[in-house]
Every structure is written in structure tokens, then in C-alpha cells.
Amino acid sequence: MLKIKAIDMAVTITTMKLLKEAHNKSFGVPEPTSVQTGTEKGHGIIATGHSMKALEELLKQTEGTGIKVYTHSKRHISGSRASRVGK
């Protein structure tokens, strides 16, 4: 039983490492960035969840439309990566 748990942990760690590498390759390494807080008048979308790819697609689809995309505190990491969308 202990051996199975150790294997499960190794698989989980490897999976998380691969996911981090893929995110960094696609969106860049996260870095401290100032982000605006609050809301603005006009249309907006609240983005939640864990998929950076879905957020990237949403940002591309709303680019130039005047629609604001808002996220919650756990998604603030997207602010440091949003400037690299589509590059």
C-alpha cells in the first residue's frame, strides 16, 4: 500500500511539473505585475476556473470589443501573462 502511494505521488509530481512547463512555454514565466482592481462601466465577463487556454481564447475573442474581462484573486496570475496573448 505504501509503495502504491509513493508511485501515485511521483506521478502527481511529474504531472504538475509537466503542466507548469507547458504553461510557462505557452504563456511565459509568471512575474510580479501591477493589475487594476475594481470594475468599469460597460459590458464585462467574469472569468473563473483553472484553464489558462480558455482564458487566452476569451481574451482573444474580446480583444478590441470594449468588453472587459474580470478575474478573481486566484486568477491574477493571468494579468502577468495577458500581455503575451497572441504573440
N, C-alpha and C. Protein backbone atom coordinates (compact mmCIF):
# COMPACT_ATOMS: atom_id res chain seq x y z
N MET A 1 0.82 -1.19 0.00
CA MET A 1 0.00 0.00 0.00
C MET A 1 0.86 1.26 0.00
N LEU A 2 1.93 1.26 0.80
CA LEU A 2 2.82 2.41 0.87
C LEU A 2 3.51 2.64 -0.47
N LYS A 3 3.87 1.54 -1.14
CA LYS A 3 4.53 1.64 -2.44
C LYS A 3 3.58 2.26 -3.47
N ILE A 4 2.32 1.90 -3.43
CA ILE A 4 1.33 2.45 -4.36
C ILE A 4 1.17 3.95 -4.12
N LYS A 5 1.12 4.37 -2.85
CA LYS A 5 1.00 5.80 -2.54
C LYS A 5 2.23 6.56 -3.03
N ALA A 6 3.41 5.97 -2.89
CA ALA A 6 4.63 6.61 -3.36
C ALA A 6 4.61 6.76 -4.88
N ILE A 7 4.13 5.76 -5.58
CA ILE A 7 4.02 5.82 -7.04
C ILE A 7 3.01 6.89 -7.44
N ASP A 8 1.86 6.91 -6.76
CA ASP A 8 0.85 7.94 -7.03
C ASP A 8 1.42 9.34 -6.84
N MET A 9 2.19 9.53 -5.77
CA MET A 9 2.78 10.84 -5.51
C MET A 9 3.78 11.21 -6.60
N ALA A 10 4.59 10.25 -7.02
CA ALA A 10 5.57 10.51 -8.08
C ALA A 10 4.87 10.89 -9.38
N VAL A 11 3.79 10.21 -9.71
CA VAL A 11 3.03 10.53 -10.92
C VAL A 11 2.43 11.93 -10.81
N THR A 12 1.88 12.26 -9.66
CA THR A 12 1.30 13.58 -9.44
C THR A 12 2.35 14.67 -9.58
N ILE A 13 3.49 14.49 -8.97
CA ILE A 13 4.57 15.48 -9.04
C ILE A 13 5.05 15.65 -10.48
N THR A 14 5.23 14.55 -11.19
CA THR A 14 5.66 14.61 -12.59
C THR A 14 4.62 15.33 -13.44
N THR A 15 3.36 15.03 -13.21
CA THR A 15 2.28 15.67 -13.97
C THR A 15 2.26 17.17 -13.72
N MET A 16 2.38 17.58 -12.47
CA MET A 16 2.38 19.01 -12.14
C MET A 16 3.59 19.72 -12.76
N LYS A 17 4.74 19.05 -12.78
CA LYS A 17 5.94 19.63 -13.39
C LYS A 17 5.72 19.83 -14.88
N LEU A 18 5.15 18.84 -15.55
CA LEU A 18 4.89 18.95 -16.98
C LEU A 18 3.87 20.04 -17.27
N LEU A 19 2.86 20.17 -16.44
CA LEU A 19 1.85 21.21 -16.62
C LEU A 19 2.48 22.59 -16.46
N LYS A 20 3.32 22.76 -15.45
CA LYS A 20 3.99 24.05 -15.24
C LYS A 20 4.88 24.39 -16.43
N GLU A 21 5.63 23.42 -16.93
CA GLU A 21 6.49 23.65 -18.09
C GLU A 21 5.67 24.05 -19.31
N ALA A 22 4.54 23.38 -19.52
CA ALA A 22 3.69 23.70 -20.67
C ALA A 22 3.11 25.11 -20.54
N HIS A 23 2.65 25.47 -19.35
CA HIS A 23 2.12 26.82 -19.13
C HIS A 23 3.19 27.87 -19.36
N ASN A 24 4.39 27.64 -18.82
CA ASN A 24 5.48 28.60 -18.99
C ASN A 24 5.88 28.74 -20.45
N LYS A 25 5.87 27.64 -21.18
CA LYS A 25 6.21 27.68 -22.61
C LYS A 25 5.15 28.45 -23.39
N SER A 26 3.90 28.23 -23.06
CA SER A 26 2.80 28.87 -23.79
C SER A 26 2.58 30.33 -23.40
N PHE A 27 2.70 30.64 -22.11
CA PHE A 27 2.30 31.96 -21.62
C PHE A 27 3.42 32.75 -20.97
N GLY A 28 4.61 32.18 -20.87
CA GLY A 28 5.72 32.86 -20.22
C GLY A 28 5.75 32.55 -18.73
N VAL A 29 6.88 32.85 -18.13
CA VAL A 29 7.06 32.62 -16.69
C VAL A 29 6.34 33.73 -15.93
N PRO A 30 5.50 33.38 -14.95
CA PRO A 30 4.80 34.41 -14.18
C PRO A 30 5.79 35.37 -13.53
N GLU A 31 5.41 36.64 -13.49
CA GLU A 31 6.26 37.65 -12.87
C GLU A 31 5.36 38.66 -12.16
N PRO A 32 5.89 39.33 -11.13
CA PRO A 32 5.07 40.34 -10.45
C PRO A 32 4.65 41.43 -11.43
N THR A 33 3.37 41.74 -11.43
CA THR A 33 2.80 42.71 -12.36
C THR A 33 1.70 43.48 -11.65
N SER A 34 1.62 44.76 -11.89
CA SER A 34 0.51 45.55 -11.35
C SER A 34 -0.74 45.25 -12.16
N VAL A 35 -1.84 45.06 -11.46
CA VAL A 35 -3.12 44.84 -12.13
C VAL A 35 -4.15 45.80 -11.57
N GLN A 36 -5.07 46.20 -12.41
CA GLN A 36 -6.14 47.09 -12.00
C GLN A 36 -7.16 46.30 -11.18
N THR A 37 -7.69 46.92 -10.15
CA THR A 37 -8.76 46.29 -9.38
C THR A 37 -10.03 47.11 -9.54
N GLY A 38 -11.15 46.51 -9.26
CA GLY A 38 -12.42 47.20 -9.39
C GLY A 38 -13.07 46.89 -10.72
N THR A 39 -14.10 47.65 -11.05
CA THR A 39 -14.82 47.46 -12.31
C THR A 39 -14.93 48.78 -13.04
N GLU A 40 -15.30 48.70 -14.30
CA GLU A 40 -15.53 49.89 -15.11
C GLU A 40 -16.92 49.80 -15.71
N LYS A 41 -17.45 50.94 -16.09
CA LYS A 41 -18.76 50.98 -16.73
C LYS A 41 -18.67 50.29 -18.08
N GLY A 42 -19.70 49.55 -18.42
CA GLY A 42 -19.74 48.87 -19.71
C GLY A 42 -19.91 47.37 -19.54
N HIS A 43 -19.84 46.69 -20.65
CA HIS A 43 -20.01 45.24 -20.65
C HIS A 43 -18.76 44.54 -20.13
N GLY A 44 -18.96 43.43 -19.44
CA GLY A 44 -17.84 42.68 -18.91
C GLY A 44 -18.18 41.21 -18.74
N ILE A 45 -17.13 40.43 -18.61
CA ILE A 45 -17.25 38.98 -18.40
C ILE A 45 -16.40 38.63 -17.19
N ILE A 46 -16.95 37.81 -16.30
CA ILE A 46 -16.18 37.31 -15.16
C ILE A 46 -15.62 35.95 -15.55
N ALA A 47 -14.30 35.83 -15.56
CA ALA A 47 -13.63 34.58 -15.92
C ALA A 47 -13.19 33.87 -14.65
N THR A 48 -13.52 32.60 -14.54
CA THR A 48 -13.12 31.80 -13.40
C THR A 48 -12.69 30.43 -13.90
N GLY A 49 -12.13 29.62 -13.05
CA GLY A 49 -11.67 28.30 -13.46
C GLY A 49 -10.16 28.23 -13.51
N HIS A 50 -9.64 27.13 -14.01
CA HIS A 50 -8.20 26.91 -13.99
C HIS A 50 -7.55 26.88 -15.37
N SER A 51 -8.33 26.92 -16.42
CA SER A 51 -7.78 26.76 -17.76
C SER A 51 -7.21 28.07 -18.30
N MET A 52 -5.89 28.14 -18.38
CA MET A 52 -5.24 29.31 -18.97
C MET A 52 -5.55 29.39 -20.46
N LYS A 53 -5.69 28.24 -21.11
CA LYS A 53 -6.01 28.21 -22.54
C LYS A 53 -7.38 28.82 -22.78
N ALA A 54 -8.36 28.49 -21.95
CA ALA A 54 -9.70 29.06 -22.09
C ALA A 54 -9.66 30.57 -21.87
N LEU A 55 -8.88 31.03 -20.89
CA LEU A 55 -8.74 32.47 -20.65
C LEU A 55 -8.08 33.14 -21.85
N GLU A 56 -7.06 32.51 -22.40
CA GLU A 56 -6.40 33.06 -23.58
C GLU A 56 -7.39 33.22 -24.73
N GLU A 57 -8.20 32.20 -24.98
CA GLU A 57 -9.19 32.27 -26.06
C GLU A 57 -10.22 33.37 -25.79
N LEU A 58 -10.65 33.51 -24.54
CA LEU A 58 -11.60 34.56 -24.18
C LEU A 58 -10.99 35.94 -24.42
N LEU A 59 -9.74 36.13 -24.02
CA LEU A 59 -9.08 37.42 -24.23
C LEU A 59 -8.93 37.73 -25.72
N LYS A 60 -8.60 36.73 -26.52
CA LYS A 60 -8.50 36.93 -27.97
C LYS A 60 -9.85 37.32 -28.57
N GLN A 61 -10.91 36.63 -28.15
CA GLN A 61 -12.24 36.88 -28.70
C GLN A 61 -12.80 38.24 -28.30
N THR A 62 -12.40 38.77 -27.17
CA THR A 62 -12.92 40.06 -26.71
C THR A 62 -12.00 41.22 -27.06
N GLU A 63 -10.82 40.94 -27.59
CA GLU A 63 -9.87 41.99 -27.93
C GLU A 63 -10.49 42.98 -28.91
N GLY A 64 -10.40 44.26 -28.57
CA GLY A 64 -10.91 45.31 -29.45
C GLY A 64 -12.41 45.51 -29.40
N THR A 65 -13.12 44.78 -28.56
CA THR A 65 -14.58 44.89 -28.49
C THR A 65 -15.05 45.85 -27.41
N GLY A 66 -14.16 46.23 -26.50
CA GLY A 66 -14.55 47.06 -25.37
C GLY A 66 -15.12 46.26 -24.22
N ILE A 67 -15.24 44.96 -24.38
CA ILE A 67 -15.72 44.10 -23.30
C ILE A 67 -14.57 43.85 -22.33
N LYS A 68 -14.82 44.14 -21.06
CA LYS A 68 -13.79 43.93 -20.04
C LYS A 68 -13.85 42.49 -19.54
N VAL A 69 -12.70 41.91 -19.25
CA VAL A 69 -12.63 40.56 -18.69
C VAL A 69 -12.10 40.69 -17.27
N TYR A 70 -12.88 40.23 -16.32
CA TYR A 70 -12.53 40.30 -14.90
C TYR A 70 -12.22 38.91 -14.37
N THR A 71 -11.28 38.84 -13.44
CA THR A 71 -10.92 37.57 -12.81
C THR A 71 -10.92 37.75 -11.29
N HIS A 72 -10.83 36.65 -10.57
CA HIS A 72 -10.75 36.71 -9.11
C HIS A 72 -9.30 36.58 -8.68
N SER A 73 -9.07 36.65 -7.39
CA SER A 73 -7.70 36.71 -6.87
C SER A 73 -6.82 35.56 -7.31
N LYS A 74 -7.37 34.35 -7.42
CA LYS A 74 -6.55 33.22 -7.83
C LYS A 74 -6.18 33.30 -9.31
N ARG A 75 -6.88 34.12 -10.07
CA ARG A 75 -6.59 34.26 -11.49
C ARG A 75 -5.71 35.47 -11.77
N HIS A 76 -5.30 36.21 -10.76
CA HIS A 76 -4.48 37.40 -11.02
C HIS A 76 -3.20 37.05 -11.75
N ILE A 77 -2.78 35.80 -11.66
CA ILE A 77 -1.60 35.39 -12.41
C ILE A 77 -1.80 35.65 -13.90
N SER A 78 -3.05 35.64 -14.34
CA SER A 78 -3.32 35.88 -15.76
C SER A 78 -2.92 37.28 -16.17
N GLY A 79 -2.95 38.23 -15.24
CA GLY A 79 -2.57 39.59 -15.59
C GLY A 79 -1.14 39.70 -16.04
N SER A 80 -0.24 38.89 -15.48
CA SER A 80 1.16 38.94 -15.88
C SER A 80 1.39 38.22 -17.20
N ARG A 81 0.40 37.45 -17.63
CA ARG A 81 0.55 36.70 -18.87
C ARG A 81 -0.32 37.25 -20.00
N ALA A 82 -1.31 38.05 -19.65
CA ALA A 82 -2.27 38.53 -20.65
C ALA A 82 -1.60 39.34 -21.75
N SER A 83 -0.55 40.07 -21.43
CA SER A 83 0.12 40.89 -22.44
C SER A 83 0.81 40.04 -23.49
N ARG A 84 0.99 38.75 -23.21
CA ARG A 84 1.68 37.89 -24.17
C ARG A 84 0.70 37.08 -25.02
N VAL A 85 -0.59 37.26 -24.81
CA VAL A 85 -1.59 36.50 -25.57
C VAL A 85 -1.48 36.88 -27.04
N GLY A 86 -1.43 35.89 -27.88
CA GLY A 86 -1.38 36.10 -29.32
C GLY A 86 -0.01 36.45 -29.86
N LYS A 87 1.01 36.41 -29.03
CA LYS A 87 2.36 36.74 -29.50
C LYS A 87 3.16 35.49 -29.73
